[in-house]
Amino acid sequence: MTSLATAEHRFRAYIEGTEREDQPENIHTDTVAREMGYAGGLVYGTSVYAWAIPLIRRVVGDDWLRSGWADFFVRRPVYGGDELCLRIEDSGTGHWTLAALGVDGKARIEGTLGTGTGEWVAGHRRSARLVAEPAPDPRPRITLEAAPAGQDLPALAAPAHDRLSRMFQEATEHDEGPLMLDGRHCQSPAALTGRMTWYVHAIWDYAGPALHARSQVQYLGLAGIDEPLTVAGHLSAVYDRNGHHYSETDGVILGADGREIALTRHASIFRVAKRDGG
């Protein structure tokens, strides 16, 4: 690290389970990713964000975890073994830039973050369906033609420790141990952000591989490490861009007592166009 205006941390990416053959829709496995034109199973974009959390905390401070915001894009693939330079820079305009750079100097993820309220929150649509409902069974297939854009989606009870939240918690704590705030072990901001990946997969049948494209999140409070949550969603938009089919879902993450812990906007590609190479 050089200063609090520019801070860096070098890291080697890792991912487990890429060799699995029993998940025909999982682009984080080698088989599916290679079928889609990638070099191998993709590291989750939220894992990269999680590896940056200790650096963000060191530079921006603990208030960011309680009442800050982040907005990041997944720009390029990350594979297990890739060397990354996680970098935070003070923009001089009241926020910081975040980037995970590969050895080629190109950003794998990039975005902005800050304290207070993010500008994007003004356009966030809170779902009115805030009480947990049964998960859809069977899950409806999402398509551009049939997606109920502009409608609230079922709120779902989220266990304290699902597979993705454990993964993103471990990634946050990989170097520096348990995330302790106000005398208690807390869920990582990345684990909270990643709840939206869990949520959209619980709501929809994608009928094929999917990709995380962008996350916007406004943190409103802390969640204890063993606290069950509720995730509510509003399908804001679906659209086609360069052959990819996108959905944008505005989310509310609620604590066990009903308090709002985070607002989110999650952009995902629910139909992935094949690419030419890795």
C-alpha atoms as a PDB file:
ATOM      1  CA  MET A   1       0.000   0.000   0.000  1.00  0.00           C
ATOM      2  CA  THR A   2       1.189   3.501  -0.764  1.00  0.00           C
ATOM      3  CA  SER A   3      -1.265   5.821   0.999  1.00  0.00           C
ATOM      4  CA  LEU A   4      -4.904   6.176   1.972  1.00  0.00           C
ATOM      5  CA  ALA A   5      -5.465   8.011  -1.321  1.00  0.00           C
ATOM      6  CA  THR A   6      -4.308   4.996  -3.319  1.00  0.00           C
ATOM      7  CA  ALA A   7      -4.207   1.534  -1.763  1.00  0.00           C
ATOM      8  CA  GLU A   8      -3.426  -1.814  -3.360  1.00  0.00           C
ATOM      9  CA  HIS A   9      -3.468  -5.472  -2.446  1.00  0.00           C
ATOM     10  CA  ARG A  10      -2.162  -8.252  -4.685  1.00  0.00           C
ATOM     11  CA  PHE A  11      -4.005 -11.530  -4.613  1.00  0.00           C
ATOM     12  CA  ARG A  12      -4.219 -14.835  -6.456  1.00  0.00           C
ATOM     13  CA  ALA A  13      -7.793 -15.768  -7.337  1.00  0.00           C
ATOM     14  CA  TYR A  14      -9.148 -19.154  -6.359  1.00  0.00           C
ATOM     15  CA  ILE A  15     -12.354 -21.104  -6.843  1.00  0.00           C
ATOM     16  CA  GLU A  16     -13.427 -24.586  -5.795  1.00  0.00           C
ATOM     17  CA  GLY A  17     -15.618 -27.066  -7.627  1.00  0.00           C
ATOM     18  CA  THR A  18     -14.833 -26.139 -11.240  1.00  0.00           C
ATOM     19  CA  GLU A  19     -14.343 -29.835 -12.027  1.00  0.00           C
ATOM     20  CA  ARG A  20     -17.941 -30.739 -11.176  1.00  0.00           C
ATOM     21  CA  GLU A  21     -19.945 -32.481 -13.902  1.00  0.00           C
ATOM     22  CA  ASP A  22     -23.340 -32.563 -12.170  1.00  0.00           C
ATOM     23  CA  GLN A  23     -24.351 -28.899 -12.711  1.00  0.00           C
ATOM     24  CA  PRO A  24     -25.213 -28.518 -16.407  1.00  0.00           C
ATOM     25  CA  GLU A  25     -26.223 -24.843 -16.035  1.00  0.00           C
ATOM     26  CA  ASN A  26     -23.336 -23.657 -13.837  1.00  0.00           C
ATOM     27  CA  ILE A  27     -20.911 -21.422 -15.744  1.00  0.00           C
ATOM     28  CA  HIS A  28     -18.550 -21.595 -12.771  1.00  0.00           C
ATOM     29  CA  THR A  29     -17.670 -25.163 -13.791  1.00  0.00           C
ATOM     30  CA  ASP A  30     -15.086 -25.929 -16.461  1.00  0.00           C
ATOM     31  CA  THR A  31     -17.393 -27.985 -18.655  1.00  0.00           C
ATOM     32  CA  VAL A  32     -20.165 -25.418 -18.968  1.00  0.00           C
ATOM     33  CA  ALA A  33     -17.839 -22.420 -19.208  1.00  0.00           C
ATOM     34  CA  ARG A  34     -15.837 -24.010 -22.013  1.00  0.00           C
ATOM     35  CA  GLU A  35     -19.034 -24.821 -23.888  1.00  0.00           C
ATOM     36  CA  MET A  36     -19.801 -21.089 -23.731  1.00  0.00           C
ATOM     37  CA  GLY A  37     -16.385 -20.130 -25.083  1.00  0.00           C
ATOM     38  CA  TYR A  38     -14.525 -19.362 -21.844  1.00  0.00           C
ATOM     39  CA  ALA A  39     -11.174 -20.829 -20.823  1.00  0.00           C
ATOM     40  CA  GLY A  40     -12.602 -22.534 -17.739  1.00  0.00           C
ATOM     41  CA  GLY A  41     -14.917 -22.147 -14.787  1.00  0.00           C
ATOM     42  CA  LEU A  42     -15.436 -18.482 -13.927  1.00  0.00           C
ATOM     43  CA  VAL A  43     -14.640 -17.022 -10.526  1.00  0.00           C
ATOM     44  CA  TYR A  44     -17.705 -15.263  -9.099  1.00  0.00           C
ATOM     45  CA  GLY A  45     -17.548 -11.495  -9.510  1.00  0.00           C
ATOM     46  CA  THR A  46     -18.789 -11.150  -5.948  1.00  0.00           C
ATOM     47  CA  SER A  47     -15.828 -13.249  -4.756  1.00  0.00           C
ATOM     48  CA  VAL A  48     -13.499 -10.645  -6.263  1.00  0.00           C
ATOM     49  CA  TYR A  49     -15.493  -7.920  -4.500  1.00  0.00           C
ATOM     50  CA  ALA A  50     -15.267  -9.909  -1.263  1.00  0.00           C
ATOM     51  CA  TRP A  51     -11.456 -10.100  -1.483  1.00  0.00           C
ATOM     52  CA  ALA A  52     -11.451  -6.285  -1.658  1.00  0.00           C
ATOM     53  CA  ILE A  53     -13.594  -5.734   1.469  1.00  0.00           C
ATOM     54  CA  PRO A  54     -10.685  -5.599   3.983  1.00  0.00           C
ATOM     55  CA  LEU A  55      -8.923  -3.053   1.750  1.00  0.00           C
ATOM     56  CA  ILE A  56     -12.089  -0.962   1.465  1.00  0.00           C
ATOM     57  CA  ARG A  57     -12.539  -1.081   5.223  1.00  0.00           C
ATOM     58  CA  ARG A  58      -8.952   0.019   5.813  1.00  0.00           C
ATOM     59  CA  VAL A  59      -9.223   2.967   3.416  1.00  0.00           C
ATOM     60  CA  VAL A  60     -12.818   4.155   3.793  1.00  0.00           C
ATOM     61  CA  GLY A  61     -13.487   3.103   7.386  1.00  0.00           C
ATOM     62  CA  ASP A  62     -16.060   1.077   9.303  1.00  0.00           C
ATOM     63  CA  ASP A  63     -18.874   3.555   8.624  1.00  0.00           C
ATOM     64  CA  TRP A  64     -18.891   2.291   5.039  1.00  0.00           C
ATOM     65  CA  LEU A  65     -19.982  -1.161   6.229  1.00  0.00           C
ATOM     66  CA  ARG A  66     -22.877   0.341   8.194  1.00  0.00           C
ATOM     67  CA  SER A  67     -24.073   3.085   5.857  1.00  0.00           C
ATOM     68  CA  GLY A  68     -22.028   3.165   2.677  1.00  0.00           C
ATOM     69  CA  TRP A  69     -22.674   2.190  -0.918  1.00  0.00           C
ATOM     70  CA  ALA A  70     -20.969   0.411  -3.805  1.00  0.00           C
ATOM     71  CA  ASP A  71     -21.600   0.129  -7.534  1.00  0.00           C
ATOM     72  CA  PHE A  72     -19.449  -2.332  -9.475  1.00  0.00           C
ATOM     73  CA  PHE A  73     -19.428  -3.996 -12.884  1.00  0.00           C
ATOM     74  CA  VAL A  74     -18.056  -7.403 -13.806  1.00  0.00           C
ATOM     75  CA  ARG A  75     -16.018  -6.496 -16.888  1.00  0.00           C
ATOM     76  CA  ARG A  76     -13.910  -9.523 -17.803  1.00  0.00           C
ATOM     77  CA  PRO A  77     -13.547 -13.164 -16.765  1.00  0.00           C
ATOM     78  CA  VAL A  78     -11.468 -14.162 -13.754  1.00  0.00           C
ATOM     79  CA  TYR A  79     -10.143 -17.720 -13.513  1.00  0.00           C
ATOM     80  CA  GLY A  80      -8.664 -19.640 -10.615  1.00  0.00           C
ATOM     81  CA  GLY A  81      -4.952 -18.871 -10.363  1.00  0.00           C
ATOM     82  CA  ASP A  82      -5.196 -15.421 -11.947  1.00  0.00           C
ATOM     83  CA  GLU A  83      -3.053 -12.766 -10.287  1.00  0.00           C
ATOM     84  CA  LEU A  84      -5.085  -9.684  -9.400  1.00  0.00           C
ATOM     85  CA  CYS A  85      -4.187  -6.232  -8.152  1.00  0.00           C
ATOM     86  CA  LEU A  86      -7.051  -4.898  -6.033  1.00  0.00           C
ATOM     87  CA  ARG A  87      -6.862  -1.101  -6.089  1.00  0.00           C
ATOM     88  CA  ILE A  88      -8.810   1.676  -4.371  1.00  0.00           C
ATOM     89  CA  GLU A  89      -8.226   5.316  -5.249  1.00  0.00           C
ATOM     90  CA  ASP A  90      -9.694   8.498  -3.809  1.00  0.00           C
ATOM     91  CA  SER A  91     -11.375  10.233  -6.730  1.00  0.00           C
ATOM     92  CA  GLY A  92     -11.225  13.613  -5.031  1.00  0.00           C
ATOM     93  CA  THR A  93     -14.966  14.002  -5.577  1.00  0.00           C
ATOM     94  CA  GLY A  94     -16.285  12.374  -2.410  1.00  0.00           C
ATOM     95  CA  HIS A  95     -16.071   8.763  -3.501  1.00  0.00           C
ATOM     96  CA  TRP A  96     -13.463   6.099  -4.262  1.00  0.00           C
ATOM     97  CA  THR A  97     -12.860   4.015  -7.360  1.00  0.00           C
ATOM     98  CA  LEU A  98     -12.448   0.260  -7.080  1.00  0.00           C
ATOM     99  CA  ALA A  99     -10.744  -1.995  -9.613  1.00  0.00           C
ATOM    100  CA  ALA A 100      -9.442  -5.543  -9.774  1.00  0.00           C
ATOM    101  CA  LEU A 101      -6.726  -5.486 -12.424  1.00  0.00           C
ATOM    102  CA  GLY A 102      -5.225  -8.458 -14.217  1.00  0.00           C
ATOM    103  CA  VAL A 103      -1.548  -8.782 -15.121  1.00  0.00           C
ATOM    104  CA  ASP A 104      -2.437  -7.150 -18.445  1.00  0.00           C
ATOM    105  CA  GLY A 105      -3.581  -4.022 -16.607  1.00  0.00           C
ATOM    106  CA  LYS A 106      -7.206  -4.477 -17.662  1.00  0.00           C
ATOM    107  CA  ALA A 107     -10.013  -4.339 -15.111  1.00  0.00           C
ATOM    108  CA  ARG A 108     -11.821  -7.561 -14.229  1.00  0.00           C
ATOM    109  CA  ILE A 109     -14.237  -5.709 -11.990  1.00  0.00           C
ATOM    110  CA  GLU A 110     -14.441  -1.954 -11.551  1.00  0.00           C
ATOM    111  CA  GLY A 111     -16.731   0.510  -9.890  1.00  0.00           C
ATOM    112  CA  THR A 112     -17.164   3.223  -7.308  1.00  0.00           C
ATOM    113  CA  LEU A 113     -18.028   3.330  -3.622  1.00  0.00           C
ATOM    114  CA  GLY A 114     -18.551   5.846  -0.864  1.00  0.00           C
ATOM    115  CA  THR A 115     -20.160   6.731   2.416  1.00  0.00           C
ATOM    116  CA  GLY A 116     -23.643   8.178   2.780  1.00  0.00           C
ATOM    117  CA  THR A 117     -26.327   7.500   0.192  1.00  0.00           C
ATOM    118  CA  GLY A 118     -25.514   6.462  -3.362  1.00  0.00           C
ATOM    119  CA  GLU A 119     -27.063   8.488  -6.173  1.00  0.00           C
ATOM    120  CA  TRP A 120     -28.635   5.379  -7.697  1.00  0.00           C
ATOM    121  CA  VAL A 121     -30.857   4.863  -4.623  1.00  0.00           C
ATOM    122  CA  ALA A 122     -33.230   7.619  -5.752  1.00  0.00           C
ATOM    123  CA  GLY A 123     -34.425   5.359  -8.577  1.00  0.00           C
ATOM    124  CA  HIS A 124     -34.636   2.173  -6.509  1.00  0.00           C
ATOM    125  CA  ARG A 125     -38.056   0.482  -6.431  1.00  0.00           C
ATOM    126  CA  ARG A 126     -38.855  -1.135  -3.084  1.00  0.00           C
ATOM    127  CA  SER A 127     -41.088  -4.168  -3.335  1.00  0.00           C
ATOM    128  CA  ALA A 128     -44.294  -4.000  -1.325  1.00  0.00           C
ATOM    129  CA  ARG A 129     -44.108  -7.786  -0.807  1.00  0.00           C
ATOM    130  CA  LEU A 130     -41.864  -7.843   2.258  1.00  0.00           C
ATOM    131  CA  VAL A 131     -43.237 -10.898   4.073  1.00  0.00           C
ATOM    132  CA  ALA A 132     -41.530 -14.159   3.148  1.00  0.00           C
ATOM    133  CA  GLU A 133     -43.542 -16.458   0.888  1.00  0.00           C
ATOM    134  CA  PRO A 134     -42.945 -20.008  -0.336  1.00  0.00           C
ATOM    135  CA  ALA A 135     -40.416 -20.201  -3.153  1.00  0.00           C
ATOM    136  CA  PRO A 136     -41.963 -20.766  -6.593  1.00  0.00           C
ATOM    137  CA  ASP A 137     -42.292 -24.472  -7.355  1.00  0.00           C
ATOM    138  CA  PRO A 138     -41.768 -24.992 -10.156  1.00  0.00           C
ATOM    139  CA  ARG A 139     -39.782 -21.844 -10.894  1.00  0.00           C
ATOM    140  CA  PRO A 140     -41.091 -20.004 -13.959  1.00  0.00           C
ATOM    141  CA  ARG A 141     -38.705 -19.661 -16.891  1.00  0.00           C
ATOM    142  CA  ILE A 142     -37.603 -16.073 -17.471  1.00  0.00           C
ATOM    143  CA  THR A 143     -37.657 -14.768 -21.053  1.00  0.00           C
ATOM    144  CA  LEU A 144     -37.637 -11.307 -22.594  1.00  0.00           C
ATOM    145  CA  GLU A 145     -41.169 -11.852 -23.834  1.00  0.00           C
ATOM    146  CA  ALA A 146     -42.763 -13.187 -20.647  1.00  0.00           C
ATOM    147  CA  ALA A 147     -40.808 -11.550 -17.826  1.00  0.00           C
ATOM    148  CA  PRO A 148     -43.119  -9.471 -15.560  1.00  0.00           C
ATOM    149  CA  ALA A 149     -41.049  -6.299 -15.713  1.00  0.00           C
ATOM    150  CA  GLY A 150     -42.316  -3.612 -13.364  1.00  0.00           C
ATOM    151  CA  GLN A 151     -43.822  -6.078 -10.907  1.00  0.00           C
ATOM    152  CA  ASP A 152     -42.946  -7.085  -7.362  1.00  0.00           C
ATOM    153  CA  LEU A 153     -41.638 -10.618  -6.896  1.00  0.00           C
ATOM    154  CA  PRO A 154     -42.130 -12.993  -3.956  1.00  0.00           C
ATOM    155  CA  ALA A 155     -40.080 -12.268  -0.856  1.00  0.00           C
ATOM    156  CA  LEU A 156     -38.054 -15.302   0.226  1.00  0.00           C
ATOM    157  CA  ALA A 157     -36.596 -16.364   3.557  1.00  0.00           C
ATOM    158  CA  ALA A 158     -32.831 -16.676   3.205  1.00  0.00           C
ATOM    159  CA  PRO A 159     -30.965 -19.029   5.535  1.00  0.00           C
ATOM    160  CA  ALA A 160     -28.122 -17.542   7.520  1.00  0.00           C
ATOM    161  CA  HIS A 161     -25.602 -19.784   5.765  1.00  0.00           C
ATOM    162  CA  ASP A 162     -26.372 -20.781   2.185  1.00  0.00           C
ATOM    163  CA  ARG A 163     -23.579 -21.946  -0.129  1.00  0.00           C
ATOM    164  CA  LEU A 164     -22.959 -18.569  -1.749  1.00  0.00           C
ATOM    165  CA  SER A 165     -23.054 -16.527   1.448  1.00  0.00           C
ATOM    166  CA  ARG A 166     -20.526 -18.918   3.011  1.00  0.00           C
ATOM    167  CA  MET A 167     -18.291 -18.565  -0.040  1.00  0.00           C
ATOM    168  CA  PHE A 168     -18.359 -14.771   0.006  1.00  0.00           C
ATOM    169  CA  GLN A 169     -17.917 -14.651   3.790  1.00  0.00           C
ATOM    170  CA  GLU A 170     -14.855 -16.899   3.547  1.00  0.00           C
ATOM    171  CA  ALA A 171     -13.435 -14.760   0.734  1.00  0.00           C
ATOM    172  CA  THR A 172     -13.818 -11.615   2.855  1.00  0.00           C
ATOM    173  CA  GLU A 173     -12.176 -13.262   5.867  1.00  0.00           C
ATOM    174  CA  HIS A 174      -9.499 -15.190   3.945  1.00  0.00           C
ATOM    175  CA  ASP A 175      -6.573 -12.953   4.915  1.00  0.00           C
ATOM    176  CA  GLU A 176      -7.659 -11.165   8.088  1.00  0.00           C
ATOM    177  CA  GLY A 177     -10.008 -13.508   9.926  1.00  0.00           C
ATOM    178  CA  PRO A 178     -13.543 -12.921  11.235  1.00  0.00           C
ATOM    179  CA  LEU A 179     -15.237  -9.653  10.305  1.00  0.00           C
ATOM    180  CA  MET A 180     -15.845  -8.101  13.724  1.00  0.00           C
ATOM    181  CA  LEU A 181     -17.857  -4.900  14.137  1.00  0.00           C
ATOM    182  CA  ASP A 182     -19.354  -3.421  17.306  1.00  0.00           C
ATOM    183  CA  GLY A 183     -18.145  -6.440  19.240  1.00  0.00           C
ATOM    184  CA  ARG A 184     -19.854  -9.074  17.119  1.00  0.00           C
ATOM    185  CA  HIS A 185     -19.114 -11.301  14.142  1.00  0.00           C
ATOM    186  CA  CYS A 186     -21.010  -9.816  11.179  1.00  0.00           C
ATOM    187  CA  GLN A 187     -22.017 -10.943   7.722  1.00  0.00           C
ATOM    188  CA  SER A 188     -19.724  -9.521   5.066  1.00  0.00           C
ATOM    189  CA  PRO A 189     -20.989  -6.755   2.771  1.00  0.00           C
ATOM    190  CA  ALA A 190     -20.134  -9.139  -0.064  1.00  0.00           C
ATOM    191  CA  ALA A 191     -22.246 -11.902   1.495  1.00  0.00           C
ATOM    192  CA  LEU A 192     -25.162  -9.444   1.683  1.00  0.00           C
ATOM    193  CA  THR A 193     -24.611  -8.323  -1.911  1.00  0.00           C
ATOM    194  CA  GLY A 194     -24.422 -11.947  -3.042  1.00  0.00           C
ATOM    195  CA  ARG A 195     -27.854 -12.683  -1.576  1.00  0.00           C
ATOM    196  CA  MET A 196     -29.286 -11.298  -4.792  1.00  0.00           C
ATOM    197  CA  THR A 197     -27.541 -13.987  -6.835  1.00  0.00           C
ATOM    198  CA  TRP A 198     -29.131 -16.578  -4.557  1.00  0.00           C
ATOM    199  CA  TYR A 199     -32.490 -14.816  -4.804  1.00  0.00           C
ATOM    200  CA  VAL A 200     -32.796 -14.557  -8.585  1.00  0.00           C
ATOM    201  CA  HIS A 201     -31.801 -18.204  -8.972  1.00  0.00           C
ATOM    202  CA  ALA A 202     -34.456 -19.172  -6.404  1.00  0.00           C
ATOM    203  CA  ILE A 203     -37.099 -17.129  -8.254  1.00  0.00           C
ATOM    204  CA  TRP A 204     -36.362 -18.029 -11.888  1.00  0.00           C
ATOM    205  CA  ASP A 205     -35.576 -21.028 -14.039  1.00  0.00           C
ATOM    206  CA  TYR A 206     -32.812 -19.704 -16.297  1.00  0.00           C
ATOM    207  CA  ALA A 207     -32.781 -22.882 -18.424  1.00  0.00           C
ATOM    208  CA  GLY A 208     -29.077 -22.371 -19.059  1.00  0.00           C
ATOM    209  CA  PRO A 209     -25.934 -20.637 -17.785  1.00  0.00           C
ATOM    210  CA  ALA A 210     -26.234 -17.165 -16.257  1.00  0.00           C
ATOM    211  CA  LEU A 211     -23.782 -14.393 -15.415  1.00  0.00           C
ATOM    212  CA  HIS A 212     -23.618 -11.634 -12.828  1.00  0.00           C
ATOM    213  CA  ALA A 213     -23.095  -8.307 -14.616  1.00  0.00           C
ATOM    214  CA  ARG A 214     -23.423  -5.491 -12.062  1.00  0.00           C
ATOM    215  CA  SER A 215     -24.246  -4.876  -8.409  1.00  0.00           C
ATOM    216  CA  GLN A 216     -25.392  -1.664  -6.776  1.00  0.00           C
ATOM    217  CA  VAL A 217     -25.856  -1.831  -3.034  1.00  0.00           C
ATOM    218  CA  GLN A 218     -26.690   0.594  -0.243  1.00  0.00           C
ATOM    219  CA  TYR A 219     -25.761  -0.716   3.183  1.00  0.00           C
ATOM    220  CA  LEU A 220     -28.127   0.360   5.959  1.00  0.00           C
ATOM    221  CA  GLY A 221     -26.968  -1.724   8.911  1.00  0.00           C
ATOM    222  CA  LEU A 222     -25.203  -4.834  10.096  1.00  0.00           C
ATOM    223  CA  ALA A 223     -26.373  -8.450  10.151  1.00  0.00           C
ATOM    224  CA  GLY A 224     -25.045 -10.942  12.680  1.00  0.00           C
ATOM    225  CA  ILE A 225     -23.196 -13.926  11.270  1.00  0.00           C
ATOM    226  CA  ASP A 226     -25.992 -16.352  12.219  1.00  0.00           C
ATOM    227  CA  GLU A 227     -28.920 -14.034  11.456  1.00  0.00           C
ATOM    228  CA  PRO A 228     -31.519 -15.322   8.971  1.00  0.00           C
ATOM    229  CA  LEU A 229     -32.629 -12.774   6.398  1.00  0.00           C
ATOM    230  CA  THR A 230     -35.518 -12.059   4.063  1.00  0.00           C
ATOM    231  CA  VAL A 231     -34.916 -10.923   0.481  1.00  0.00           C
ATOM    232  CA  ALA A 232     -37.626  -9.048  -1.426  1.00  0.00           C
ATOM    233  CA  GLY A 233     -37.406  -8.127  -5.097  1.00  0.00           C
ATOM    234  CA  HIS A 234     -38.896  -5.950  -7.814  1.00  0.00           C
ATOM    235  CA  LEU A 235     -38.157  -6.827 -11.459  1.00  0.00           C
ATOM    236  CA  SER A 236     -37.210  -3.422 -12.823  1.00  0.00           C
ATOM    237  CA  ALA A 237     -36.239  -4.257 -16.395  1.00  0.00           C
ATOM    238  CA  VAL A 238     -35.340  -6.909 -18.959  1.00  0.00           C
ATOM    239  CA  TYR A 239     -33.503  -6.168 -22.197  1.00  0.00           C
ATOM    240  CA  ASP A 240     -31.175  -7.437 -24.916  1.00  0.00           C
ATOM    241  CA  ARG A 241     -27.628  -6.111 -25.223  1.00  0.00           C
ATOM    242  CA  ASN A 242     -25.198  -7.589 -27.743  1.00  0.00           C
ATOM    243  CA  GLY A 243     -27.062 -10.893 -27.766  1.00  0.00           C
ATOM    244  CA  HIS A 244     -27.092 -11.201 -23.970  1.00  0.00           C
ATOM    245  CA  HIS A 245     -30.489 -11.120 -22.238  1.00  0.00           C
ATOM    246  CA  TYR A 246     -30.381  -9.066 -19.037  1.00  0.00           C
ATOM    247  CA  SER A 247     -32.612  -8.641 -16.029  1.00  0.00           C
ATOM    248  CA  GLU A 248     -32.369  -5.932 -13.380  1.00  0.00           C
ATOM    249  CA  THR A 249     -33.854  -6.664  -9.968  1.00  0.00           C
ATOM    250  CA  ASP A 250     -34.221  -4.103  -7.186  1.00  0.00           C
ATOM    251  CA  GLY A 251     -33.892  -5.835  -3.832  1.00  0.00           C
ATOM    252  CA  VAL A 252     -34.483  -5.180  -0.158  1.00  0.00           C
ATOM    253  CA  ILE A 253     -32.602  -7.282   2.392  1.00  0.00           C
ATOM    254  CA  LEU A 254     -34.313  -7.462   5.772  1.00  0.00           C
ATOM    255  CA  GLY A 255     -32.996  -8.659   9.107  1.00  0.00           C
ATOM    256  CA  ALA A 256     -34.675 -11.191  11.354  1.00  0.00           C
ATOM    257  CA  ASP A 257     -36.582  -8.372  13.080  1.00  0.00           C
ATOM    258  CA  GLY A 258     -37.717  -6.777   9.806  1.00  0.00           C
ATOM    259  CA  ARG A 259     -35.233  -3.883   9.762  1.00  0.00           C
ATOM    260  CA  GLU A 260     -33.758  -2.939   6.389  1.00  0.00           C
ATOM    261  CA  ILE A 261     -30.123  -4.014   6.150  1.00  0.00           C
ATOM    262  CA  ALA A 262     -29.463  -3.214   2.495  1.00  0.00           C
ATOM    263  CA  LEU A 263     -31.018  -2.001  -0.738  1.00  0.00           C
ATOM    264  CA  THR A 264     -29.686  -3.555  -3.913  1.00  0.00           C
ATOM    265  CA  ARG A 265     -29.946  -3.478  -7.669  1.00  0.00           C
ATOM    266  CA  HIS A 266     -28.711  -6.669  -9.296  1.00  0.00           C
ATOM    267  CA  ALA A 267     -28.097  -6.988 -13.041  1.00  0.00           C
ATOM    268  CA  SER A 268     -27.675 -10.490 -14.393  1.00  0.00           C
ATOM    269  CA  ILE A 269     -27.489 -12.102 -17.814  1.00  0.00           C
ATOM    270  CA  PHE A 270     -30.084 -14.851 -17.895  1.00  0.00           C
ATOM    271  CA  ARG A 271     -29.285 -15.916 -21.457  1.00  0.00           C
ATOM    272  CA  VAL A 272     -25.588 -15.804 -22.212  1.00  0.00           C
ATOM    273  CA  ALA A 273     -24.400 -15.416 -25.794  1.00  0.00           C
ATOM    274  CA  LYS A 274     -21.533 -17.734 -26.650  1.00  0.00           C
ATOM    275  CA  ARG A 275     -18.169 -16.045 -27.081  1.00  0.00           C
ATOM    276  CA  ASP A 276     -15.326 -16.843 -29.471  1.00  0.00           C
ATOM    277  CA  GLY A 277     -12.629 -17.614 -26.948  1.00  0.00           C
ATOM    278  CA  GLY A 278     -11.402 -17.425 -23.355  1.00  0.00           C
END
